[in-house]
Amino acid sequence: MEYNLEYNSDREKLIIPEYGRHIQKLVNHCINLETKEERNKMARAIVDVMGNLQPHLRDVPDFKHKLWDQLFIIADFNLDVDSPYDKPEKEILQAKPEPLKYPKSATKYRFYGNNIQIMIDTALTWEEGEVRDALYFTIANHMKKCYLNWNKDTVDDTVIFKHLTELSDGKIDLTKSEEVLSEFKDINRKQRKNTQQKGRQHNQGHYKKKK
C-alpha cells in the first residue's frame, strides 16, 4: 500500500502563518472567484473568521482595519475586493526602515547612564541661584548611588565631584564645596527600605486578592 504524504516543505509558503493553511487556501480561492460580488461576500466572511482566530486583537484599536490589511497581505495584494478601509500599499509595507542612530552614552562613565547626562544638561539651563545649586547636589548624590550600584565598596565625594565636572564640561565644579554627599550606609538603608515597602505592598495586594 502506498501513501501520498504531503510535507509542509512541499506546500505553498504561508504569508502569515498565525492564521494557518486553511485561511491561506480560502484567500486563494477568493482571489479566483469570477465576480466581484462573490469576492466581496467571501472576503467579509474570511475577515470574520480571522477575527475569531485572533480574539486578543479585539482590544487593539482599529481591530477590523488590521484584519482587512492582513487579508490583503495574505493575498499578496492580488485580491480585488471593496474594502471599507484604504488598501495597504505593498511598496510602503516592504520598504526598509531607516537605520536607528546608536544612542550616545555618558562619555566614558557608562555606569552613570544616559539619564545623568540629561539631568546635567537640563540643570545647566536653570537660572543661577539656590534652587540650581540644590539640583547640582541632588545630581551628585544620584551619581554616587549609581557608582555604588556598580562598585559595592565605597567612593570618595571628590571622585563624584570630579566626574560631575567632566560630564558638565567644567561648568559644574563642586570640588571646593564643603557639602557632604549621602553616606554609603544611608543610600543602602534607603534602598532596603524601598525594597521592603514594595514587598509589603505586593504581599498585601496578594492577600486581598485571596480574600
Protein backbone atom coordinates (compact mmCIF):
# COMPACT_ATOMS: atom_id res chain seq x y z
CA MET A 1 0.00 0.00 0.00
CA GLU A 2 1.33 3.42 -0.97
CA TYR A 3 0.59 6.67 0.88
CA ASN A 4 0.73 10.06 -0.80
CA LEU A 5 2.21 12.07 2.02
CA GLU A 6 2.25 15.86 1.79
CA TYR A 7 5.05 17.61 3.62
CA ASN A 8 4.99 21.26 4.69
CA SER A 9 8.28 21.78 2.87
CA ASP A 10 6.49 20.92 -0.40
CA ARG A 11 3.47 23.12 0.29
CA GLU A 12 2.91 26.76 -0.56
CA LYS A 13 4.65 29.11 1.85
CA LEU A 14 2.25 30.75 4.33
CA ILE A 15 2.45 34.54 4.23
CA ILE A 16 1.03 34.94 7.76
CA PRO A 17 1.50 31.54 9.45
CA GLU A 18 -0.54 32.56 12.51
CA TYR A 19 -3.77 32.10 10.55
CA GLY A 20 -2.90 28.64 9.30
CA ARG A 21 -3.11 26.96 5.91
CA HIS A 22 -6.91 26.88 5.69
CA ILE A 23 -7.17 30.68 5.72
CA GLN A 24 -4.47 30.85 3.04
CA LYS A 25 -6.46 28.42 0.88
CA LEU A 26 -9.68 30.39 1.43
CA VAL A 27 -7.96 33.61 0.37
CA ASN A 28 -6.50 31.93 -2.71
CA HIS A 29 -9.99 30.65 -3.60
CA CYS A 30 -11.44 34.13 -3.08
CA ILE A 31 -8.90 35.62 -5.49
CA ASN A 32 -10.02 33.23 -8.24
CA LEU A 33 -13.77 33.86 -7.91
CA GLU A 34 -15.21 35.25 -11.13
CA THR A 35 -17.44 38.09 -9.94
CA LYS A 36 -16.57 40.90 -7.60
CA GLU A 37 -19.82 40.39 -5.72
CA GLU A 38 -18.76 36.85 -4.83
CA ARG A 39 -15.29 38.02 -3.84
CA ASN A 40 -16.70 40.77 -1.61
CA LYS A 41 -19.04 38.33 0.14
CA MET A 42 -16.29 35.77 0.73
CA ALA A 43 -13.74 38.40 1.79
CA ARG A 44 -16.08 39.64 4.54
CA ALA A 45 -16.60 36.05 5.71
CA ILE A 46 -12.83 35.42 5.80
CA VAL A 47 -12.28 38.58 7.86
CA ASP A 48 -14.88 37.37 10.38
CA VAL A 49 -13.12 34.01 10.67
CA MET A 50 -9.74 35.72 11.07
CA GLY A 51 -11.20 37.79 13.91
CA ASN A 52 -12.36 34.63 15.67
CA LEU A 53 -8.89 33.10 15.29
CA GLN A 54 -7.23 36.16 16.85
CA PRO A 55 -9.57 37.22 19.70
CA HIS A 56 -6.77 39.08 21.51
CA LEU A 57 -6.76 41.64 18.69
CA ARG A 58 -10.20 42.84 19.73
CA ASP A 59 -8.57 45.07 22.34
CA VAL A 60 -6.36 46.66 19.68
CA PRO A 61 -7.54 49.97 18.18
CA ASP A 62 -8.81 49.67 14.58
CA PHE A 63 -9.32 45.93 15.03
CA LYS A 64 -11.24 45.45 11.77
CA HIS A 65 -8.84 47.67 9.86
CA LYS A 66 -5.91 45.48 10.83
CA LEU A 67 -7.77 42.34 9.77
CA TRP A 68 -8.52 43.77 6.34
CA ASP A 69 -4.88 44.83 5.94
CA GLN A 70 -3.78 41.31 6.84
CA LEU A 71 -6.26 39.88 4.33
CA PHE A 72 -4.62 41.83 1.51
CA ILE A 73 -1.17 40.82 2.75
CA ILE A 74 -2.15 37.12 2.75
CA ALA A 75 -3.47 37.60 -0.80
CA ASP A 76 -0.11 39.15 -1.77
CA PHE A 77 -2.10 42.27 -2.74
CA ASN A 78 -3.77 40.41 -5.65
CA LEU A 79 -7.29 40.48 -4.17
CA ASP A 80 -9.77 42.72 -6.00
CA VAL A 81 -12.48 43.47 -3.43
CA ASP A 82 -14.17 46.53 -1.95
CA SER A 83 -12.61 47.17 1.44
CA PRO A 84 -14.21 49.52 3.99
CA TYR A 85 -10.71 50.92 4.57
CA ASP A 86 -7.89 52.22 2.41
CA LYS A 87 -5.97 49.34 0.91
CA PRO A 88 -2.38 48.99 2.13
CA GLU A 89 0.36 49.64 -0.40
CA LYS A 90 2.82 46.82 -0.94
CA GLU A 91 5.74 49.17 -1.61
CA ILE A 92 5.24 51.02 1.67
CA LEU A 93 4.94 47.84 3.76
CA GLN A 94 8.02 46.28 2.19
CA ALA A 95 10.14 49.42 2.38
CA LYS A 96 13.16 49.11 4.65
CA PRO A 97 13.07 51.35 7.75
CA GLU A 98 15.74 53.98 8.24
CA PRO A 99 18.58 52.78 10.47
CA LEU A 100 18.33 53.88 14.09
CA LYS A 101 21.03 56.12 15.44
CA TYR A 102 23.17 54.47 18.08
CA PRO A 103 22.40 56.10 21.46
CA LYS A 104 25.11 58.28 22.87
CA SER A 105 26.47 57.11 26.19
CA ALA A 106 27.52 59.38 29.01
CA THR A 107 31.16 59.68 27.87
CA LYS A 108 33.43 57.08 29.43
CA TYR A 109 31.43 56.79 32.68
CA ARG A 110 28.77 54.46 31.37
CA PHE A 111 27.78 53.23 34.82
CA TYR A 112 26.04 56.58 35.41
CA GLY A 113 23.68 56.01 32.50
CA ASN A 114 22.31 58.44 29.92
CA ASN A 115 19.77 59.97 32.31
CA ILE A 116 22.54 61.57 34.37
CA GLN A 117 23.82 63.40 31.32
CA ILE A 118 20.28 64.59 30.53
CA MET A 119 19.89 65.83 34.12
CA ILE A 120 23.19 67.69 33.93
CA ASP A 121 22.32 69.33 30.60
CA THR A 122 18.93 70.37 31.99
CA ALA A 123 20.40 71.76 35.22
CA LEU A 124 22.76 73.97 33.24
CA THR A 125 19.75 75.70 31.65
CA TRP A 126 18.33 76.76 35.03
CA GLU A 127 18.78 80.27 36.38
CA GLU A 128 21.60 80.78 38.84
CA GLY A 129 20.53 80.53 42.48
CA GLU A 130 19.92 78.25 45.46
CA VAL A 131 17.49 76.02 43.57
CA ARG A 132 20.04 75.27 40.86
CA ASP A 133 22.78 74.64 43.43
CA ALA A 134 20.48 72.23 45.25
CA LEU A 135 19.84 70.45 41.96
CA TYR A 136 23.59 70.10 41.40
CA PHE A 137 23.97 68.27 44.72
CA THR A 138 20.90 66.14 44.01
CA ILE A 139 22.55 65.05 40.77
CA ALA A 140 25.82 64.38 42.59
CA ASN A 141 24.02 62.23 45.17
CA HIS A 142 22.31 60.27 42.40
CA MET A 143 25.67 59.79 40.70
CA LYS A 144 27.08 58.42 43.95
CA LYS A 145 24.20 55.95 44.19
CA CYS A 146 24.80 54.83 40.59
CA TYR A 147 28.51 54.47 41.27
CA LEU A 148 27.88 52.34 44.36
CA ASN A 149 25.49 50.13 42.42
CA TRP A 150 28.37 49.41 40.09
CA ASN A 151 31.10 49.31 42.76
CA LYS A 152 29.81 47.92 46.06
CA ASP A 153 32.77 49.18 48.13
CA THR A 154 32.90 52.92 48.67
CA VAL A 155 33.71 56.12 46.82
CA ASP A 156 35.07 59.46 47.94
CA ASP A 157 32.95 62.53 47.27
CA THR A 158 35.87 64.17 45.45
CA VAL A 159 35.69 61.42 42.81
CA ILE A 160 31.99 62.11 42.22
CA PHE A 161 32.61 65.87 42.04
CA LYS A 162 35.43 65.32 39.55
CA HIS A 163 33.22 63.14 37.32
CA LEU A 164 30.44 65.73 37.52
CA THR A 165 32.84 68.43 36.40
CA GLU A 166 33.94 66.32 33.44
CA LEU A 167 30.38 65.41 32.40
CA SER A 168 29.38 69.10 32.52
CA ASP A 169 32.42 70.20 30.50
CA GLY A 170 33.75 72.09 33.52
CA LYS A 171 30.54 74.10 34.06
CA ILE A 172 29.64 72.43 37.37
CA ASP A 173 32.51 72.45 39.86
CA LEU A 174 31.69 71.29 43.40
CA THR A 175 35.24 70.26 44.29
CA LYS A 176 35.66 73.22 46.66
CA SER A 177 32.29 72.77 48.31
CA GLU A 178 32.01 71.86 51.98
CA GLU A 179 28.77 69.97 51.41
CA VAL A 180 28.91 66.22 52.04
CA LEU A 181 27.07 63.69 49.91
CA SER A 182 24.97 60.87 51.36
CA GLU A 183 26.94 58.11 53.05
CA PHE A 184 27.06 54.61 51.63
CA LYS A 185 25.11 53.20 54.59
CA ASP A 186 22.39 55.83 54.17
CA ILE A 187 21.98 55.00 50.49
CA ASN A 188 21.83 51.29 51.27
CA ARG A 189 19.32 51.88 54.05
CA LYS A 190 17.04 53.84 51.72
CA GLN A 191 17.29 51.16 49.05
CA ARG A 192 16.47 48.38 51.55
CA LYS A 193 13.57 50.42 52.95
CA ASN A 194 12.10 50.98 49.47
CA THR A 195 12.51 47.29 48.66
CA GLN A 196 10.82 46.25 51.89
CA GLN A 197 7.93 48.68 51.32
CA LYS A 198 7.38 47.34 47.81
CA GLY A 199 7.49 43.80 49.16
CA ARG A 200 4.88 44.58 51.83
CA GLN A 201 2.62 46.29 49.29
CA HIS A 202 2.92 43.30 46.97
CA ASN A 203 2.10 40.86 49.79
CA GLN A 204 -0.87 42.96 50.94
CA GLY A 205 -2.25 43.08 47.41
CA HIS A 206 -1.79 39.33 47.03
CA TYR A 207 -3.55 38.72 50.37
CA LYS A 208 -6.51 40.93 49.39
CA LYS A 209 -6.93 39.03 46.11
CA LYS A 210 -7.08 35.74 48.01
CA LYS A 211 -9.77 37.10 50.36
